[in-house]
């Protein structure tokens, strides 16, 4: 049975990861530095993502308020799924913890609902991937045991809850591309504005000159025939009918 689980585990871990780009506010000297966290998708372990009840998140909030080793930080800048798809970072939280045995836990939760109050969450991914072996063997009982451990302040050395910070890198990149195109359009318009033109317009105007005295002639609209105008020279009176 154990051998079968290990073989299955090796099969499912290939390319089934979420990649999370996060700032490092816990690093006093490199608070603006980005680091990448890799978590195994639980869709590769279960038929559907496990749903965690709101009691767990309420207890986390209580521990964060009352215990110094628990903290809340805004740092997530991008989440990319197993199929290279970008996710809305505002919908996710990353729980990053270490217990008194120096074992590290990383869990990615997707929020259920729009309110800020503690609600249900979907357990989407985890790290290290070896935890998946435990979940495959003991299933829900293993999840309950681990989540209970995370809320036991006597057994946790540190626990960080990471939320989204500002716009995602993907959104910022799209805005940059959009603004760059707008800037190019504005540059083109400014070029048109600065083109030399006697009339001071963007595009050159067409003027008519008298073939007799070379003075500029004026146009008098002939309303009787649509599309026909009379060109009259104000200097010598020369008249010419033209179509337009």
C-alpha atoms as a PDB file:
ATOM      1  CA  UNK A   1       0.000   0.000   0.000  1.00  0.00           C
ATOM      2  CA  UNK A   2       2.782   2.440   0.938  1.00  0.00           C
ATOM      3  CA  UNK A   3       4.687   1.641  -2.251  1.00  0.00           C
ATOM      4  CA  UNK A   4       1.577   2.332  -4.309  1.00  0.00           C
ATOM      5  CA  UNK A   5       1.106   5.703  -2.611  1.00  0.00           C
ATOM      6  CA  UNK A   6       4.709   6.693  -3.299  1.00  0.00           C
ATOM      7  CA  UNK A   7       4.448   5.721  -6.973  1.00  0.00           C
ATOM      8  CA  UNK A   8       1.197   7.618  -7.316  1.00  0.00           C
ATOM      9  CA  UNK A   9       2.729  10.593  -5.527  1.00  0.00           C
ATOM     10  CA  UNK A  10       5.660  10.692  -7.983  1.00  0.00           C
ATOM     11  CA  UNK A  11       3.194  10.598 -10.859  1.00  0.00           C
ATOM     12  CA  UNK A  12       0.936  13.434  -9.707  1.00  0.00           C
ATOM     13  CA  UNK A  13       3.561  15.962  -8.627  1.00  0.00           C
ATOM     14  CA  UNK A  14       4.790  16.582 -12.171  1.00  0.00           C
ATOM     15  CA  UNK A  15       3.716  20.098 -13.254  1.00  0.00           C
ATOM     16  CA  UNK A  16       0.921  20.286 -10.646  1.00  0.00           C
ATOM     17  CA  UNK A  17       2.188  23.343  -8.801  1.00  0.00           C
ATOM     18  CA  UNK A  18       1.006  26.822  -7.911  1.00  0.00           C
ATOM     19  CA  UNK A  19       3.695  29.505  -8.058  1.00  0.00           C
ATOM     20  CA  UNK A  20       3.319  32.427  -5.665  1.00  0.00           C
ATOM     21  CA  UNK A  21       5.366  35.610  -5.911  1.00  0.00           C
ATOM     22  CA  UNK A  22       5.454  37.446  -2.609  1.00  0.00           C
ATOM     23  CA  UNK A  23       7.317  40.319  -1.035  1.00  0.00           C
ATOM     24  CA  UNK A  24       9.361  39.576   2.088  1.00  0.00           C
ATOM     25  CA  UNK A  25       8.238  42.067   4.772  1.00  0.00           C
ATOM     26  CA  UNK A  26       9.587  39.769   7.473  1.00  0.00           C
ATOM     27  CA  UNK A  27      13.106  40.409   6.146  1.00  0.00           C
ATOM     28  CA  UNK A  28      13.989  43.786   7.619  1.00  0.00           C
ATOM     29  CA  UNK A  29      16.742  44.478   5.065  1.00  0.00           C
ATOM     30  CA  UNK A  30      14.888  43.289   1.938  1.00  0.00           C
ATOM     31  CA  UNK A  31      11.246  44.215   2.487  1.00  0.00           C
ATOM     32  CA  UNK A  32      10.703  45.020  -1.200  1.00  0.00           C
ATOM     33  CA  UNK A  33      12.380  41.887  -2.526  1.00  0.00           C
ATOM     34  CA  UNK A  34      10.247  39.294  -4.312  1.00  0.00           C
ATOM     35  CA  UNK A  35      10.567  35.596  -3.587  1.00  0.00           C
ATOM     36  CA  UNK A  36       8.777  32.673  -5.226  1.00  0.00           C
ATOM     37  CA  UNK A  37       6.994  29.929  -3.306  1.00  0.00           C
ATOM     38  CA  UNK A  38       6.046  26.655  -4.992  1.00  0.00           C
ATOM     39  CA  UNK A  39       3.069  24.660  -3.686  1.00  0.00           C
ATOM     40  CA  UNK A  40       1.583  21.372  -4.813  1.00  0.00           C
ATOM     41  CA  UNK A  41      -1.993  21.596  -6.114  1.00  0.00           C
ATOM     42  CA  UNK A  42      -4.372  19.507  -3.999  1.00  0.00           C
ATOM     43  CA  UNK A  43      -6.434  18.780  -7.106  1.00  0.00           C
ATOM     44  CA  UNK A  44      -3.702  16.247  -7.860  1.00  0.00           C
ATOM     45  CA  UNK A  45      -4.407  14.531  -4.521  1.00  0.00           C
ATOM     46  CA  UNK A  46      -8.197  14.755  -4.193  1.00  0.00           C
ATOM     47  CA  UNK A  47     -11.031  14.737  -6.709  1.00  0.00           C
ATOM     48  CA  UNK A  48     -11.997  18.201  -5.446  1.00  0.00           C
ATOM     49  CA  UNK A  49     -10.379  20.817  -3.250  1.00  0.00           C
ATOM     50  CA  UNK A  50     -11.046  20.380   0.501  1.00  0.00           C
ATOM     51  CA  UNK A  51     -13.280  23.045   2.089  1.00  0.00           C
ATOM     52  CA  UNK A  52     -12.164  24.313   5.516  1.00  0.00           C
ATOM     53  CA  UNK A  53     -14.846  25.635   7.862  1.00  0.00           C
ATOM     54  CA  UNK A  54     -14.746  29.220   9.156  1.00  0.00           C
ATOM     55  CA  UNK A  55     -13.977  28.137  12.736  1.00  0.00           C
ATOM     56  CA  UNK A  56     -10.351  27.505  11.700  1.00  0.00           C
ATOM     57  CA  UNK A  57      -9.969  31.028  10.309  1.00  0.00           C
ATOM     58  CA  UNK A  58     -11.654  32.598  13.345  1.00  0.00           C
ATOM     59  CA  UNK A  59      -9.192  30.818  15.636  1.00  0.00           C
ATOM     60  CA  UNK A  60      -6.311  32.033  13.451  1.00  0.00           C
ATOM     61  CA  UNK A  61      -7.585  35.604  13.801  1.00  0.00           C
ATOM     62  CA  UNK A  62      -7.764  35.211  17.595  1.00  0.00           C
ATOM     63  CA  UNK A  63      -4.243  33.800  17.748  1.00  0.00           C
ATOM     64  CA  UNK A  64      -2.955  36.621  15.533  1.00  0.00           C
ATOM     65  CA  UNK A  65      -4.427  39.177  17.924  1.00  0.00           C
ATOM     66  CA  UNK A  66      -3.144  37.521  21.096  1.00  0.00           C
ATOM     67  CA  UNK A  67       0.156  35.784  20.287  1.00  0.00           C
ATOM     68  CA  UNK A  68       3.303  37.503  19.009  1.00  0.00           C
ATOM     69  CA  UNK A  69       4.425  34.505  16.940  1.00  0.00           C
ATOM     70  CA  UNK A  70       1.305  34.872  14.794  1.00  0.00           C
ATOM     71  CA  UNK A  71       1.265  37.722  12.254  1.00  0.00           C
ATOM     72  CA  UNK A  72      -0.692  39.104   9.313  1.00  0.00           C
ATOM     73  CA  UNK A  73       1.109  40.683   6.331  1.00  0.00           C
ATOM     74  CA  UNK A  74       0.143  42.054   2.913  1.00  0.00           C
ATOM     75  CA  UNK A  75       2.740  40.767   0.482  1.00  0.00           C
ATOM     76  CA  UNK A  76       1.357  38.480  -2.283  1.00  0.00           C
ATOM     77  CA  UNK A  77       1.953  39.947  -5.760  1.00  0.00           C
ATOM     78  CA  UNK A  78       1.149  37.096  -8.138  1.00  0.00           C
ATOM     79  CA  UNK A  79      -0.384  33.607  -8.183  1.00  0.00           C
ATOM     80  CA  UNK A  80       0.078  31.354 -11.215  1.00  0.00           C
ATOM     81  CA  UNK A  81      -1.736  28.010 -11.473  1.00  0.00           C
ATOM     82  CA  UNK A  82      -0.583  24.630 -12.837  1.00  0.00           C
ATOM     83  CA  UNK A  83      -1.761  25.566 -16.348  1.00  0.00           C
ATOM     84  CA  UNK A  84       0.130  28.881 -16.277  1.00  0.00           C
ATOM     85  CA  UNK A  85      -3.063  30.806 -15.549  1.00  0.00           C
ATOM     86  CA  UNK A  86      -2.994  33.996 -13.454  1.00  0.00           C
ATOM     87  CA  UNK A  87      -5.376  34.252 -10.503  1.00  0.00           C
ATOM     88  CA  UNK A  88      -6.967  37.216  -8.738  1.00  0.00           C
ATOM     89  CA  UNK A  89      -4.609  37.616  -5.774  1.00  0.00           C
ATOM     90  CA  UNK A  90      -7.274  39.293  -3.625  1.00  0.00           C
ATOM     91  CA  UNK A  91      -9.085  35.954  -3.317  1.00  0.00           C
ATOM     92  CA  UNK A  92      -6.199  34.095  -1.650  1.00  0.00           C
ATOM     93  CA  UNK A  93      -4.239  33.837   1.598  1.00  0.00           C
ATOM     94  CA  UNK A  94      -1.030  31.940   2.211  1.00  0.00           C
ATOM     95  CA  UNK A  95      -0.434  30.454   5.659  1.00  0.00           C
ATOM     96  CA  UNK A  96       3.288  29.937   6.303  1.00  0.00           C
ATOM     97  CA  UNK A  97       4.247  28.323   9.616  1.00  0.00           C
ATOM     98  CA  UNK A  98       6.897  26.398  11.557  1.00  0.00           C
ATOM     99  CA  UNK A  99       6.111  24.192  14.558  1.00  0.00           C
ATOM    100  CA  UNK A 100       8.194  23.417  17.647  1.00  0.00           C
ATOM    101  CA  UNK A 101       9.769  20.474  15.787  1.00  0.00           C
ATOM    102  CA  UNK A 102      11.011  22.927  13.108  1.00  0.00           C
ATOM    103  CA  UNK A 103       8.679  21.453  10.486  1.00  0.00           C
ATOM    104  CA  UNK A 104       7.498  23.971   7.878  1.00  0.00           C
ATOM    105  CA  UNK A 105       3.929  24.206   6.591  1.00  0.00           C
ATOM    106  CA  UNK A 106       2.671  26.279   3.679  1.00  0.00           C
ATOM    107  CA  UNK A 107      -1.024  26.274   2.771  1.00  0.00           C
ATOM    108  CA  UNK A 108      -2.760  28.303   0.067  1.00  0.00           C
ATOM    109  CA  UNK A 109      -6.415  29.078   0.796  1.00  0.00           C
ATOM    110  CA  UNK A 110      -8.948  30.575  -1.570  1.00  0.00           C
ATOM    111  CA  UNK A 111     -11.562  32.703   0.172  1.00  0.00           C
ATOM    112  CA  UNK A 112     -15.246  31.823  -0.088  1.00  0.00           C
ATOM    113  CA  UNK A 113     -17.450  34.927  -0.072  1.00  0.00           C
ATOM    114  CA  UNK A 114     -16.735  38.634  -0.391  1.00  0.00           C
ATOM    115  CA  UNK A 115     -16.946  39.736   3.265  1.00  0.00           C
ATOM    116  CA  UNK A 116     -13.925  40.443   5.444  1.00  0.00           C
ATOM    117  CA  UNK A 117     -15.338  38.380   8.253  1.00  0.00           C
ATOM    118  CA  UNK A 118     -13.932  34.902   8.736  1.00  0.00           C
ATOM    119  CA  UNK A 119     -15.682  32.497   6.381  1.00  0.00           C
ATOM    120  CA  UNK A 120     -15.048  29.189   4.700  1.00  0.00           C
ATOM    121  CA  UNK A 121     -11.913  28.696   2.631  1.00  0.00           C
ATOM    122  CA  UNK A 122     -10.844  26.203  -0.005  1.00  0.00           C
ATOM    123  CA  UNK A 123      -7.500  24.507   0.592  1.00  0.00           C
ATOM    124  CA  UNK A 124      -5.937  24.820  -2.862  1.00  0.00           C
ATOM    125  CA  UNK A 125      -2.271  23.890  -2.484  1.00  0.00           C
ATOM    126  CA  UNK A 126       0.398  23.016   0.057  1.00  0.00           C
ATOM    127  CA  UNK A 127       4.100  22.581   0.682  1.00  0.00           C
ATOM    128  CA  UNK A 128       6.302  20.763   1.240  1.00  0.00           C
ATOM    129  CA  UNK A 129       4.933  18.229  -1.311  1.00  0.00           C
ATOM    130  CA  UNK A 130       5.691  15.387   1.111  1.00  0.00           C
ATOM    131  CA  UNK A 131       2.655  16.489   3.110  1.00  0.00           C
ATOM    132  CA  UNK A 132       0.588  15.189   0.214  1.00  0.00           C
ATOM    133  CA  UNK A 133       1.679  11.651   1.093  1.00  0.00           C
ATOM    134  CA  UNK A 134       0.165  12.107   4.550  1.00  0.00           C
ATOM    135  CA  UNK A 135      -3.064  13.435   3.062  1.00  0.00           C
ATOM    136  CA  UNK A 136      -3.272  10.597   0.543  1.00  0.00           C
ATOM    137  CA  UNK A 137      -2.891   8.042   3.304  1.00  0.00           C
ATOM    138  CA  UNK A 138      -5.098   9.553   6.042  1.00  0.00           C
ATOM    139  CA  UNK A 139      -7.229  11.982   3.987  1.00  0.00           C
ATOM    140  CA  UNK A 140      -9.515  14.296   6.025  1.00  0.00           C
ATOM    141  CA  UNK A 141      -8.222  13.162   9.402  1.00  0.00           C
ATOM    142  CA  UNK A 142      -4.738  14.341   8.410  1.00  0.00           C
ATOM    143  CA  UNK A 143      -6.059  17.755   7.360  1.00  0.00           C
ATOM    144  CA  UNK A 144      -7.919  18.194  10.666  1.00  0.00           C
ATOM    145  CA  UNK A 145      -4.843  17.218  12.663  1.00  0.00           C
ATOM    146  CA  UNK A 146      -2.562  19.657  10.811  1.00  0.00           C
ATOM    147  CA  UNK A 147      -5.005  22.556  10.993  1.00  0.00           C
ATOM    148  CA  UNK A 148      -5.465  21.935  14.736  1.00  0.00           C
ATOM    149  CA  UNK A 149      -1.695  22.067  15.148  1.00  0.00           C
ATOM    150  CA  UNK A 150      -1.522  25.425  13.360  1.00  0.00           C
ATOM    151  CA  UNK A 151      -3.907  26.930  15.903  1.00  0.00           C
ATOM    152  CA  UNK A 152      -2.033  25.526  18.915  1.00  0.00           C
ATOM    153  CA  UNK A 153       0.047  28.505  20.013  1.00  0.00           C
ATOM    154  CA  UNK A 154       2.118  26.299  22.346  1.00  0.00           C
ATOM    155  CA  UNK A 155       3.418  24.274  19.396  1.00  0.00           C
ATOM    156  CA  UNK A 156       3.975  27.024  16.819  1.00  0.00           C
ATOM    157  CA  UNK A 157       7.284  28.879  16.557  1.00  0.00           C
ATOM    158  CA  UNK A 158       5.876  31.303  13.983  1.00  0.00           C
ATOM    159  CA  UNK A 159       2.869  31.569  11.699  1.00  0.00           C
ATOM    160  CA  UNK A 160       2.391  34.228   9.012  1.00  0.00           C
ATOM    161  CA  UNK A 161      -0.851  34.867   7.157  1.00  0.00           C
ATOM    162  CA  UNK A 162       0.015  36.527   3.840  1.00  0.00           C
ATOM    163  CA  UNK A 163      -2.576  38.504   1.915  1.00  0.00           C
ATOM    164  CA  UNK A 164      -2.530  40.393  -1.376  1.00  0.00           C
ATOM    165  CA  UNK A 165      -0.719  43.718  -1.670  1.00  0.00           C
ATOM    166  CA  UNK A 166      -1.959  46.178  -4.276  1.00  0.00           C
ATOM    167  CA  UNK A 167      -2.321  45.096  -7.882  1.00  0.00           C
ATOM    168  CA  UNK A 168      -0.820  41.831  -9.027  1.00  0.00           C
ATOM    169  CA  UNK A 169       2.307  41.782 -11.170  1.00  0.00           C
ATOM    170  CA  UNK A 170       0.163  40.534 -14.056  1.00  0.00           C
ATOM    171  CA  UNK A 171      -2.232  43.513 -13.728  1.00  0.00           C
ATOM    172  CA  UNK A 172       0.647  45.967 -13.429  1.00  0.00           C
ATOM    173  CA  UNK A 173       2.218  44.492 -16.571  1.00  0.00           C
ATOM    174  CA  UNK A 174      -1.052  44.875 -18.492  1.00  0.00           C
ATOM    175  CA  UNK A 175      -1.398  48.482 -17.301  1.00  0.00           C
ATOM    176  CA  UNK A 176       2.191  49.165 -18.357  1.00  0.00           C
ATOM    177  CA  UNK A 177       1.535  47.784 -21.842  1.00  0.00           C
ATOM    178  CA  UNK A 178      -1.676  49.813 -22.075  1.00  0.00           C
ATOM    179  CA  UNK A 179      -0.022  53.020 -20.900  1.00  0.00           C
ATOM    180  CA  UNK A 180       2.916  52.447 -23.232  1.00  0.00           C
ATOM    181  CA  UNK A 181       0.564  52.211 -26.231  1.00  0.00           C
ATOM    182  CA  UNK A 182      -1.279  55.336 -25.063  1.00  0.00           C
ATOM    183  CA  UNK A 183       2.037  57.162 -24.747  1.00  0.00           C
ATOM    184  CA  UNK A 184       2.966  56.139 -28.296  1.00  0.00           C
ATOM    185  CA  UNK A 185      -0.391  57.463 -29.559  1.00  0.00           C
ATOM    186  CA  UNK A 186       0.122  60.751 -27.730  1.00  0.00           C
ATOM    187  CA  UNK A 187       3.614  61.015 -29.149  1.00  0.00           C
ATOM    188  CA  UNK A 188       2.210  60.502 -32.651  1.00  0.00           C
ATOM    189  CA  UNK A 189      -0.448  63.183 -32.062  1.00  0.00           C
ATOM    190  CA  UNK A 190       2.188  65.610 -30.781  1.00  0.00           C
ATOM    191  CA  UNK A 191       4.227  64.923 -33.914  1.00  0.00           C
ATOM    192  CA  UNK A 192       1.225  65.833 -36.054  1.00  0.00           C
ATOM    193  CA  UNK A 193       0.701  68.998 -34.033  1.00  0.00           C
ATOM    194  CA  UNK A 194       4.311  70.036 -34.566  1.00  0.00           C
ATOM    195  CA  UNK A 195       4.342  69.421 -38.322  1.00  0.00           C
ATOM    196  CA  UNK A 196       5.043  72.705 -40.217  1.00  0.00           C
ATOM    197  CA  UNK A 197       1.890  74.143 -41.763  1.00  0.00           C
ATOM    198  CA  UNK A 198       1.219  77.698 -42.913  1.00  0.00           C
ATOM    199  CA  UNK A 199      -2.375  77.486 -41.757  1.00  0.00           C
ATOM    200  CA  UNK A 200      -1.330  76.227 -38.315  1.00  0.00           C
ATOM    201  CA  UNK A 201      -3.406  73.077 -38.753  1.00  0.00           C
ATOM    202  CA  UNK A 202      -2.450  69.416 -38.362  1.00  0.00           C
ATOM    203  CA  UNK A 203      -3.031  68.635 -42.016  1.00  0.00           C
ATOM    204  CA  UNK A 204      -2.263  70.896 -45.014  1.00  0.00           C
ATOM    205  CA  UNK A 205      -5.235  72.748 -46.475  1.00  0.00           C
ATOM    206  CA  UNK A 206      -5.962  72.965 -50.179  1.00  0.00           C
ATOM    207  CA  UNK A 207      -6.028  76.501 -51.648  1.00  0.00           C
ATOM    208  CA  UNK A 208      -7.051  77.528 -55.141  1.00  0.00           C
ATOM    209  CA  UNK A 209      -5.272  80.273 -57.065  1.00  0.00           C
ATOM    210  CA  UNK A 210      -6.421  82.252 -60.039  1.00  0.00           C
ATOM    211  CA  UNK A 211      -4.748  81.136 -63.298  1.00  0.00           C
ATOM    212  CA  UNK A 212      -4.816  84.773 -64.484  1.00  0.00           C
ATOM    213  CA  UNK A 213      -3.399  86.818 -61.572  1.00  0.00           C
ATOM    214  CA  UNK A 214      -2.267  84.056 -59.145  1.00  0.00           C
ATOM    215  CA  UNK A 215      -4.295  85.443 -56.244  1.00  0.00           C
ATOM    216  CA  UNK A 216      -6.149  83.068 -53.903  1.00  0.00           C
ATOM    217  CA  UNK A 217      -9.711  82.563 -55.089  1.00  0.00           C
ATOM    218  CA  UNK A 218     -12.812  82.070 -52.940  1.00  0.00           C
ATOM    219  CA  UNK A 219     -15.459  79.385 -53.311  1.00  0.00           C
ATOM    220  CA  UNK A 220     -19.112  80.127 -53.770  1.00  0.00           C
ATOM    221  CA  UNK A 221     -21.393  77.122 -53.289  1.00  0.00           C
ATOM    222  CA  UNK A 222     -23.796  76.427 -56.165  1.00  0.00           C
ATOM    223  CA  UNK A 223     -26.838  75.011 -54.370  1.00  0.00           C
ATOM    224  CA  UNK A 224     -28.656  74.275 -57.625  1.00  0.00           C
ATOM    225  CA  UNK A 225     -26.278  71.473 -58.535  1.00  0.00           C
ATOM    226  CA  UNK A 226     -25.013  69.277 -55.714  1.00  0.00           C
ATOM    227  CA  UNK A 227     -21.259  68.733 -55.862  1.00  0.00           C
ATOM    228  CA  UNK A 228     -20.527  71.779 -58.040  1.00  0.00           C
ATOM    229  CA  UNK A 229     -18.890  75.017 -56.881  1.00  0.00           C
ATOM    230  CA  UNK A 230     -17.990  78.358 -58.480  1.00  0.00           C
ATOM    231  CA  UNK A 231     -14.433  79.609 -57.921  1.00  0.00           C
ATOM    232  CA  UNK A 232     -14.292  83.401 -58.123  1.00  0.00           C
ATOM    233  CA  UNK A 233     -11.117  85.526 -58.067  1.00  0.00           C
ATOM    234  CA  UNK A 234     -11.709  88.623 -55.920  1.00  0.00           C
ATOM    235  CA  UNK A 235      -8.873  90.461 -57.743  1.00  0.00           C
ATOM    236  CA  UNK A 236      -9.698  90.109 -61.438  1.00  0.00           C
ATOM    237  CA  UNK A 237     -13.149  88.499 -61.305  1.00  0.00           C
ATOM    238  CA  UNK A 238     -12.131  85.325 -63.107  1.00  0.00           C
ATOM    239  CA  UNK A 239     -14.725  82.592 -62.522  1.00  0.00           C
ATOM    240  CA  UNK A 240     -14.350  78.823 -62.888  1.00  0.00           C
ATOM    241  CA  UNK A 241     -16.865  76.057 -62.222  1.00  0.00           C
ATOM    242  CA  UNK A 242     -15.377  72.979 -60.615  1.00  0.00           C
ATOM    243  CA  UNK A 243     -16.653  69.630 -59.313  1.00  0.00           C
ATOM    244  CA  UNK A 244     -15.681  68.231 -55.901  1.00  0.00           C
END
